[in-house]
Amino acid sequence: MFHIISGQISKKARLEVLLDDGYWPCFGTFKARSHHAQWDYVGEGFMKEVDFGKVWFRLNEADSDDNKEDIVAVTELPAKEFLTRAMESPQTIELKDPRDDSFNSTVLVEAKFIPVPVKLEPRETVNSVLFPLPLLASF
C-alpha cells in the first residue's frame, strides 16, 4: 500500500504508479491543478516477488485514461529498496523529464508492506527468467 502525499511537479499532471513489469498503472491520481500538488491518496498494488520487483512513478500529462499517454517525468526504483525507505518515514522521490533534464519533479510518498501468502509456479518466478541455462544445455 502506498500513500501519495504531495508533490512539486514541473507540469500539471497526474501521478501513476506501476509495479513489476506492468504496462498499465496499478494506481493513478487525478490531474494536479497546480505545480504544488496536494493529492493525499492511498493506493494499493500487488507484487509477486519483492526481491526482484520494481516500482515506477511517472507523471502523465494526458487528461484521462482514455487519452494517449504524455509522460513528462518518470523514475524507476527497486521495490525492496523503495519499501525499506518508505516504510520508515515519508520519502521524497525525484522524477526526471526524459526529454529535458532541467524539468525535475518530486513527490512525497510513504508505503506499507502487507505480506500475502502466494505459491508461484516455477514458470512464474524470476529465477526461471534469469537462469535458463540448463534448458539451453539440453539442446
N, C-alpha and C. Protein backbone atom coordinates (compact mmCIF):
# COMPACT_ATOMS: atom_id res chain seq x y z
N MET A 1 0.85 -1.17 0.00
CA MET A 1 0.00 0.00 0.00
C MET A 1 0.89 1.23 0.00
N PHE A 2 0.44 2.26 -0.64
CA PHE A 2 1.22 3.48 -0.67
C PHE A 2 0.31 4.68 -0.48
N HIS A 3 0.89 5.71 0.10
CA HIS A 3 0.19 6.96 0.38
C HIS A 3 0.90 8.05 -0.42
N ILE A 4 0.23 8.55 -1.44
CA ILE A 4 0.77 9.63 -2.25
C ILE A 4 0.37 10.93 -1.56
N ILE A 5 1.31 11.62 -0.98
CA ILE A 5 1.00 12.77 -0.14
C ILE A 5 0.93 14.06 -0.95
N SER A 6 2.04 14.45 -1.57
CA SER A 6 2.08 15.72 -2.28
C SER A 6 3.22 15.70 -3.29
N GLY A 7 3.40 16.81 -3.99
CA GLY A 7 4.49 16.89 -4.94
C GLY A 7 4.73 18.29 -5.45
N GLN A 8 5.95 18.53 -5.84
CA GLN A 8 6.35 19.74 -6.57
C GLN A 8 6.62 19.26 -7.99
N ILE A 9 5.69 19.53 -8.89
CA ILE A 9 5.78 18.96 -10.23
C ILE A 9 6.01 20.05 -11.27
N SER A 10 6.77 19.69 -12.30
CA SER A 10 7.13 20.66 -13.34
C SER A 10 5.96 21.01 -14.24
N LYS A 11 5.03 20.08 -14.42
CA LYS A 11 3.85 20.33 -15.25
C LYS A 11 2.64 19.76 -14.52
N LYS A 12 1.48 20.33 -14.79
CA LYS A 12 0.25 19.83 -14.18
C LYS A 12 -0.06 18.47 -14.78
N ALA A 13 0.04 17.44 -13.96
CA ALA A 13 -0.10 16.07 -14.45
C ALA A 13 -0.66 15.20 -13.33
N ARG A 14 -0.96 13.96 -13.68
CA ARG A 14 -1.39 13.01 -12.67
C ARG A 14 -0.24 12.04 -12.42
N LEU A 15 -0.14 11.58 -11.20
CA LEU A 15 0.91 10.64 -10.83
C LEU A 15 0.38 9.23 -10.99
N GLU A 16 1.16 8.38 -11.65
CA GLU A 16 0.80 6.98 -11.84
C GLU A 16 1.87 6.10 -11.20
N VAL A 17 1.43 4.97 -10.63
CA VAL A 17 2.33 4.02 -10.02
C VAL A 17 2.20 2.71 -10.78
N LEU A 18 3.34 2.15 -11.20
CA LEU A 18 3.37 0.87 -11.89
C LEU A 18 4.26 -0.07 -11.09
N LEU A 19 3.91 -1.36 -11.07
CA LEU A 19 4.69 -2.35 -10.33
C LEU A 19 5.19 -3.44 -11.27
N ASP A 20 6.33 -4.03 -10.90
CA ASP A 20 6.97 -5.08 -11.69
C ASP A 20 7.18 -4.60 -13.12
N ASP A 21 6.79 -5.41 -14.08
CA ASP A 21 6.90 -5.01 -15.48
C ASP A 21 5.54 -4.63 -16.02
N GLY A 22 4.69 -4.13 -15.15
CA GLY A 22 3.32 -3.80 -15.54
C GLY A 22 3.27 -2.73 -16.60
N TYR A 23 2.45 -2.95 -17.60
CA TYR A 23 2.26 -1.97 -18.66
C TYR A 23 1.26 -0.91 -18.23
N TRP A 24 0.26 -1.32 -17.48
CA TRP A 24 -0.78 -0.42 -17.01
C TRP A 24 -0.52 -0.02 -15.58
N PRO A 25 -0.81 1.21 -15.22
CA PRO A 25 -0.63 1.63 -13.82
C PRO A 25 -1.57 0.88 -12.89
N CYS A 26 -1.09 0.54 -11.71
CA CYS A 26 -1.96 -0.08 -10.71
C CYS A 26 -2.72 1.00 -9.94
N PHE A 27 -2.26 2.24 -10.07
CA PHE A 27 -2.89 3.35 -9.36
C PHE A 27 -2.56 4.66 -10.07
N GLY A 28 -3.48 5.60 -10.02
CA GLY A 28 -3.23 6.92 -10.58
C GLY A 28 -4.05 7.97 -9.84
N THR A 29 -3.50 9.15 -9.71
CA THR A 29 -4.20 10.26 -9.06
C THR A 29 -4.98 11.04 -10.13
N PHE A 30 -5.75 12.01 -9.68
CA PHE A 30 -6.34 12.97 -10.61
C PHE A 30 -5.25 13.94 -11.04
N LYS A 31 -5.48 14.61 -12.14
CA LYS A 31 -4.52 15.60 -12.63
C LYS A 31 -4.43 16.75 -11.64
N ALA A 32 -3.22 17.13 -11.29
CA ALA A 32 -2.99 18.21 -10.33
C ALA A 32 -3.45 19.54 -10.93
N ARG A 33 -3.96 20.41 -10.08
CA ARG A 33 -4.44 21.72 -10.54
C ARG A 33 -3.35 22.77 -10.53
N SER A 34 -2.24 22.47 -9.85
CA SER A 34 -1.13 23.43 -9.79
C SER A 34 0.18 22.66 -9.78
N HIS A 35 1.27 23.40 -9.75
CA HIS A 35 2.59 22.76 -9.71
C HIS A 35 2.93 22.27 -8.31
N HIS A 36 2.17 22.71 -7.34
CA HIS A 36 2.32 22.20 -5.97
C HIS A 36 1.10 21.33 -5.68
N ALA A 37 1.22 20.05 -5.95
CA ALA A 37 0.09 19.13 -5.84
C ALA A 37 -0.09 18.65 -4.41
N GLN A 38 -1.32 18.61 -3.95
CA GLN A 38 -1.69 18.06 -2.64
C GLN A 38 -2.67 16.92 -2.89
N TRP A 39 -2.16 15.71 -3.15
CA TRP A 39 -3.03 14.60 -3.52
C TRP A 39 -3.64 13.93 -2.30
N ASP A 40 -2.83 13.46 -1.37
CA ASP A 40 -3.29 12.75 -0.17
C ASP A 40 -4.18 11.56 -0.55
N TYR A 41 -3.67 10.70 -1.45
CA TYR A 41 -4.38 9.50 -1.91
C TYR A 41 -3.69 8.25 -1.38
N VAL A 42 -4.49 7.23 -1.13
CA VAL A 42 -3.97 5.92 -0.72
C VAL A 42 -4.30 4.94 -1.83
N GLY A 43 -3.31 4.16 -2.24
CA GLY A 43 -3.50 3.16 -3.29
C GLY A 43 -2.86 1.86 -2.91
N GLU A 44 -3.10 0.85 -3.71
CA GLU A 44 -2.52 -0.47 -3.43
C GLU A 44 -2.10 -1.13 -4.74
N GLY A 45 -1.20 -2.05 -4.60
CA GLY A 45 -0.74 -2.83 -5.74
C GLY A 45 -0.24 -4.17 -5.25
N PHE A 46 -0.10 -5.12 -6.15
CA PHE A 46 0.36 -6.46 -5.80
C PHE A 46 1.61 -6.78 -6.59
N MET A 47 2.61 -7.29 -5.88
CA MET A 47 3.89 -7.62 -6.48
C MET A 47 4.20 -9.08 -6.15
N LYS A 48 4.58 -9.86 -7.17
CA LYS A 48 4.86 -11.27 -6.94
C LYS A 48 6.13 -11.48 -6.11
N GLU A 49 7.21 -10.85 -6.49
CA GLU A 49 8.48 -11.05 -5.82
C GLU A 49 9.11 -9.69 -5.47
N VAL A 50 9.10 -9.36 -4.21
CA VAL A 50 9.61 -8.07 -3.76
C VAL A 50 11.11 -7.96 -4.01
N ASP A 51 11.83 -9.05 -3.86
CA ASP A 51 13.28 -9.02 -4.04
C ASP A 51 13.69 -8.62 -5.46
N PHE A 52 12.87 -8.97 -6.45
CA PHE A 52 13.22 -8.69 -7.84
C PHE A 52 12.32 -7.64 -8.48
N GLY A 53 11.32 -7.18 -7.76
CA GLY A 53 10.33 -6.26 -8.32
C GLY A 53 10.85 -4.84 -8.47
N LYS A 54 10.12 -4.07 -9.26
CA LYS A 54 10.44 -2.66 -9.48
C LYS A 54 9.18 -1.84 -9.28
N VAL A 55 9.39 -0.58 -8.90
CA VAL A 55 8.30 0.38 -8.73
C VAL A 55 8.61 1.57 -9.63
N TRP A 56 7.64 1.93 -10.47
CA TRP A 56 7.78 3.10 -11.33
C TRP A 56 6.80 4.16 -10.86
N PHE A 57 7.28 5.38 -10.79
CA PHE A 57 6.43 6.55 -10.58
C PHE A 57 6.57 7.38 -11.84
N ARG A 58 5.44 7.80 -12.39
CA ARG A 58 5.52 8.63 -13.58
C ARG A 58 4.41 9.68 -13.57
N LEU A 59 4.72 10.82 -14.15
CA LEU A 59 3.75 11.90 -14.31
C LEU A 59 3.23 11.86 -15.73
N ASN A 60 1.91 11.78 -15.85
CA ASN A 60 1.25 11.69 -17.15
C ASN A 60 0.41 12.94 -17.33
N GLU A 61 0.74 13.72 -18.35
CA GLU A 61 0.06 15.00 -18.58
C GLU A 61 -1.27 14.84 -19.31
N ALA A 62 -1.57 13.65 -19.83
CA ALA A 62 -2.83 13.41 -20.53
C ALA A 62 -4.00 13.66 -19.57
N ASP A 63 -5.12 14.10 -20.12
CA ASP A 63 -6.27 14.47 -19.29
C ASP A 63 -6.95 13.30 -18.60
N SER A 64 -7.01 12.14 -19.25
CA SER A 64 -7.69 11.00 -18.65
C SER A 64 -7.07 9.70 -19.13
N ASP A 65 -7.58 8.59 -18.62
CA ASP A 65 -7.06 7.28 -19.01
C ASP A 65 -7.32 6.96 -20.49
N ASP A 66 -8.33 7.62 -21.08
CA ASP A 66 -8.69 7.33 -22.46
C ASP A 66 -7.75 7.97 -23.47
N ASN A 67 -7.09 9.05 -23.07
CA ASN A 67 -6.20 9.76 -23.99
C ASN A 67 -4.86 9.04 -24.13
N LYS A 68 -4.17 9.38 -25.20
CA LYS A 68 -2.83 8.86 -25.39
C LYS A 68 -1.94 9.37 -24.27
N GLU A 69 -1.03 8.54 -23.82
CA GLU A 69 -0.14 8.92 -22.72
C GLU A 69 0.79 10.05 -23.15
N ASP A 70 1.08 10.93 -22.22
CA ASP A 70 2.05 12.01 -22.41
C ASP A 70 2.90 12.06 -21.15
N ILE A 71 3.89 11.18 -21.08
CA ILE A 71 4.73 11.04 -19.89
C ILE A 71 5.73 12.19 -19.85
N VAL A 72 5.65 12.99 -18.77
CA VAL A 72 6.53 14.15 -18.65
C VAL A 72 7.65 13.95 -17.64
N ALA A 73 7.55 12.92 -16.79
CA ALA A 73 8.62 12.63 -15.83
C ALA A 73 8.44 11.20 -15.34
N VAL A 74 9.55 10.55 -15.02
CA VAL A 74 9.49 9.15 -14.60
C VAL A 74 10.70 8.81 -13.74
N THR A 75 10.52 7.83 -12.86
CA THR A 75 11.64 7.23 -12.14
C THR A 75 11.32 5.77 -11.88
N GLU A 76 12.35 4.96 -11.82
CA GLU A 76 12.23 3.53 -11.58
C GLU A 76 13.09 3.18 -10.37
N LEU A 77 12.52 2.44 -9.42
CA LEU A 77 13.24 2.07 -8.20
C LEU A 77 13.11 0.58 -7.94
N PRO A 78 14.14 -0.05 -7.38
CA PRO A 78 13.98 -1.43 -6.92
C PRO A 78 12.94 -1.46 -5.79
N ALA A 79 12.01 -2.40 -5.85
CA ALA A 79 10.90 -2.44 -4.89
C ALA A 79 11.37 -2.59 -3.45
N LYS A 80 12.31 -3.46 -3.22
CA LYS A 80 12.77 -3.70 -1.86
C LYS A 80 13.41 -2.45 -1.26
N GLU A 81 14.22 -1.78 -2.05
CA GLU A 81 14.87 -0.54 -1.59
C GLU A 81 13.82 0.54 -1.29
N PHE A 82 12.85 0.70 -2.21
CA PHE A 82 11.79 1.69 -2.00
C PHE A 82 10.99 1.37 -0.74
N LEU A 83 10.57 0.13 -0.57
CA LEU A 83 9.76 -0.23 0.60
C LEU A 83 10.54 -0.05 1.89
N THR A 84 11.79 -0.42 1.91
CA THR A 84 12.61 -0.28 3.12
C THR A 84 12.67 1.18 3.56
N ARG A 85 12.88 2.08 2.60
CA ARG A 85 12.95 3.50 2.93
C ARG A 85 11.59 4.10 3.26
N ALA A 86 10.58 3.78 2.46
CA ALA A 86 9.27 4.43 2.58
C ALA A 86 8.44 3.91 3.76
N MET A 87 8.80 2.76 4.31
CA MET A 87 8.06 2.25 5.48
C MET A 87 8.51 2.95 6.75
N GLU A 88 9.74 3.45 6.78
CA GLU A 88 10.25 4.14 7.97
C GLU A 88 9.68 5.54 8.10
N SER A 89 9.62 6.27 6.99
CA SER A 89 9.11 7.64 7.00
C SER A 89 8.77 8.02 5.56
N PRO A 90 7.96 9.06 5.37
CA PRO A 90 7.67 9.50 4.00
C PRO A 90 8.96 9.86 3.26
N GLN A 91 9.02 9.45 2.00
CA GLN A 91 10.21 9.66 1.19
C GLN A 91 9.92 10.59 0.03
N THR A 92 10.89 11.42 -0.29
CA THR A 92 10.81 12.29 -1.45
C THR A 92 11.42 11.54 -2.63
N ILE A 93 10.62 11.35 -3.65
CA ILE A 93 11.06 10.63 -4.85
C ILE A 93 11.23 11.66 -5.96
N GLU A 94 12.38 11.64 -6.61
CA GLU A 94 12.65 12.57 -7.70
C GLU A 94 12.32 11.91 -9.04
N LEU A 95 11.53 12.60 -9.84
CA LEU A 95 11.17 12.14 -11.17
C LEU A 95 11.84 13.05 -12.19
N LYS A 96 12.41 12.46 -13.22
CA LYS A 96 13.13 13.24 -14.23
C LYS A 96 12.37 13.23 -15.55
N ASP A 97 12.39 14.38 -16.20
CA ASP A 97 11.79 14.51 -17.52
C ASP A 97 12.71 13.80 -18.52
N PRO A 98 12.21 12.82 -19.26
CA PRO A 98 13.09 12.09 -20.20
C PRO A 98 13.59 12.95 -21.36
N ARG A 99 12.92 14.07 -21.62
CA ARG A 99 13.30 14.93 -22.75
C ARG A 99 14.17 16.11 -22.35
N ASP A 100 14.08 16.52 -21.07
CA ASP A 100 14.79 17.73 -20.64
C ASP A 100 15.18 17.58 -19.18
N ASP A 101 16.47 17.54 -18.89
CA ASP A 101 16.95 17.35 -17.52
C ASP A 101 16.65 18.53 -16.60
N SER A 102 16.33 19.69 -17.16
CA SER A 102 16.08 20.86 -16.31
C SER A 102 14.70 20.82 -15.65
N PHE A 103 13.81 19.96 -16.11
CA PHE A 103 12.47 19.86 -15.55
C PHE A 103 12.37 18.62 -14.67
N ASN A 104 12.73 18.77 -13.42
CA ASN A 104 12.62 17.67 -12.46
C ASN A 104 11.43 17.91 -11.55
N SER A 105 10.85 16.84 -11.07
CA SER A 105 9.71 16.92 -10.16
C SER A 105 10.00 16.03 -8.96
N THR A 106 9.35 16.33 -7.84
CA THR A 106 9.47 15.49 -6.66
C THR A 106 8.09 15.19 -6.12
N VAL A 107 7.93 13.99 -5.56
CA VAL A 107 6.69 13.61 -4.90
C VAL A 107 7.03 13.02 -3.54
N LEU A 108 6.14 13.23 -2.58
CA LEU A 108 6.31 12.72 -1.22
C LEU A 108 5.40 11.50 -1.08
N VAL A 109 6.02 10.35 -0.76
CA VAL A 109 5.30 9.07 -0.73
C VAL A 109 5.70 8.29 0.52
N GLU A 110 4.74 7.60 1.13
CA GLU A 110 5.06 6.63 2.16
C GLU A 110 4.39 5.31 1.78
N ALA A 111 4.88 4.20 2.35
CA ALA A 111 4.37 2.89 1.97
C ALA A 111 4.27 1.96 3.16
N LYS A 112 3.44 0.97 3.02
CA LYS A 112 3.31 -0.13 3.99
C LYS A 112 3.36 -1.43 3.20
N PHE A 113 3.98 -2.42 3.78
CA PHE A 113 4.10 -3.73 3.15
C PHE A 113 3.19 -4.71 3.88
N ILE A 114 2.31 -5.35 3.16
CA ILE A 114 1.41 -6.35 3.73
C ILE A 114 1.72 -7.68 3.04
N PRO A 115 2.40 -8.59 3.73
CA PRO A 115 2.74 -9.87 3.09
C PRO A 115 1.49 -10.71 2.83
N VAL A 116 1.49 -11.36 1.69
CA VAL A 116 0.38 -12.22 1.29
C VAL A 116 0.97 -13.57 0.92
N PRO A 117 0.44 -14.66 1.49
CA PRO A 117 0.98 -15.98 1.13
C PRO A 117 0.58 -16.34 -0.31
N VAL A 118 1.58 -16.52 -1.15
CA VAL A 118 1.36 -16.86 -2.54
C VAL A 118 2.32 -17.97 -2.93
N LYS A 119 1.81 -18.95 -3.65
CA LYS A 119 2.69 -20.01 -4.16
C LYS A 119 2.82 -19.81 -5.66
N LEU A 120 4.03 -19.51 -6.10
CA LEU A 120 4.29 -19.28 -7.52
C LEU A 120 4.67 -20.59 -8.19
N GLU A 121 4.17 -20.76 -9.38
CA GLU A 121 4.59 -21.89 -10.22
C GLU A 121 6.02 -21.61 -10.68
N PRO A 122 6.81 -22.65 -10.92
CA PRO A 122 8.20 -22.42 -11.35
C PRO A 122 8.32 -21.51 -12.58
N ARG A 123 7.38 -21.59 -13.49
CA ARG A 123 7.44 -20.76 -14.70
C ARG A 123 7.14 -19.29 -14.41
N GLU A 124 6.58 -18.97 -13.23
CA GLU A 124 6.23 -17.60 -12.88
C GLU A 124 7.32 -16.86 -12.12
N THR A 125 8.35 -17.54 -11.70
CA THR A 125 9.37 -16.90 -10.87
C THR A 125 10.43 -16.22 -11.71
N VAL A 126 11.08 -15.27 -11.12
CA VAL A 126 12.17 -14.56 -11.79
C VAL A 126 13.33 -15.51 -12.04
N ASN A 127 13.52 -16.49 -11.17
CA ASN A 127 14.62 -17.45 -11.36
C ASN A 127 14.51 -18.17 -12.70
N SER A 128 13.31 -18.42 -13.18
CA SER A 128 13.12 -19.08 -14.47
C SER A 128 13.59 -18.18 -15.60
N VAL A 129 13.47 -16.87 -15.43
CA VAL A 129 13.86 -15.93 -16.46
C VAL A 129 15.36 -15.65 -16.41
N LEU A 130 15.90 -15.56 -15.20
CA LEU A 130 17.31 -15.19 -15.06
C LEU A 130 18.27 -16.33 -15.34
N PHE A 131 17.86 -17.57 -15.11
CA PHE A 131 18.78 -18.69 -15.22
C PHE A 131 18.25 -19.78 -16.14
N PRO A 132 18.07 -19.50 -17.44
CA PRO A 132 17.56 -20.53 -18.34
C PRO A 132 18.66 -21.44 -18.91
N LEU A 133 19.88 -21.35 -18.39
CA LEU A 133 21.00 -22.12 -18.96
C LEU A 133 20.77 -23.62 -18.99
N PRO A 134 20.22 -24.27 -17.96
CA PRO A 134 20.01 -25.71 -18.06
C PRO A 134 19.09 -26.08 -19.23
N LEU A 135 18.15 -25.24 -19.57
CA LEU A 135 17.28 -25.52 -20.71
C LEU A 135 18.05 -25.47 -22.02
N LEU A 136 18.96 -24.51 -22.13
CA LEU A 136 19.75 -24.39 -23.35
C LEU A 136 20.74 -25.56 -23.49
N ALA A 137 21.25 -26.03 -22.39
CA ALA A 137 22.24 -27.11 -22.42
C ALA A 137 21.63 -28.42 -22.90
N SER A 138 20.32 -28.59 -22.78
CA SER A 138 19.72 -29.85 -23.18
C SER A 138 19.52 -29.97 -24.69
N PHE A 139 19.69 -28.87 -25.45
CA PHE A 139 19.51 -28.93 -26.91
C PHE A 139 20.71 -29.40 -27.58
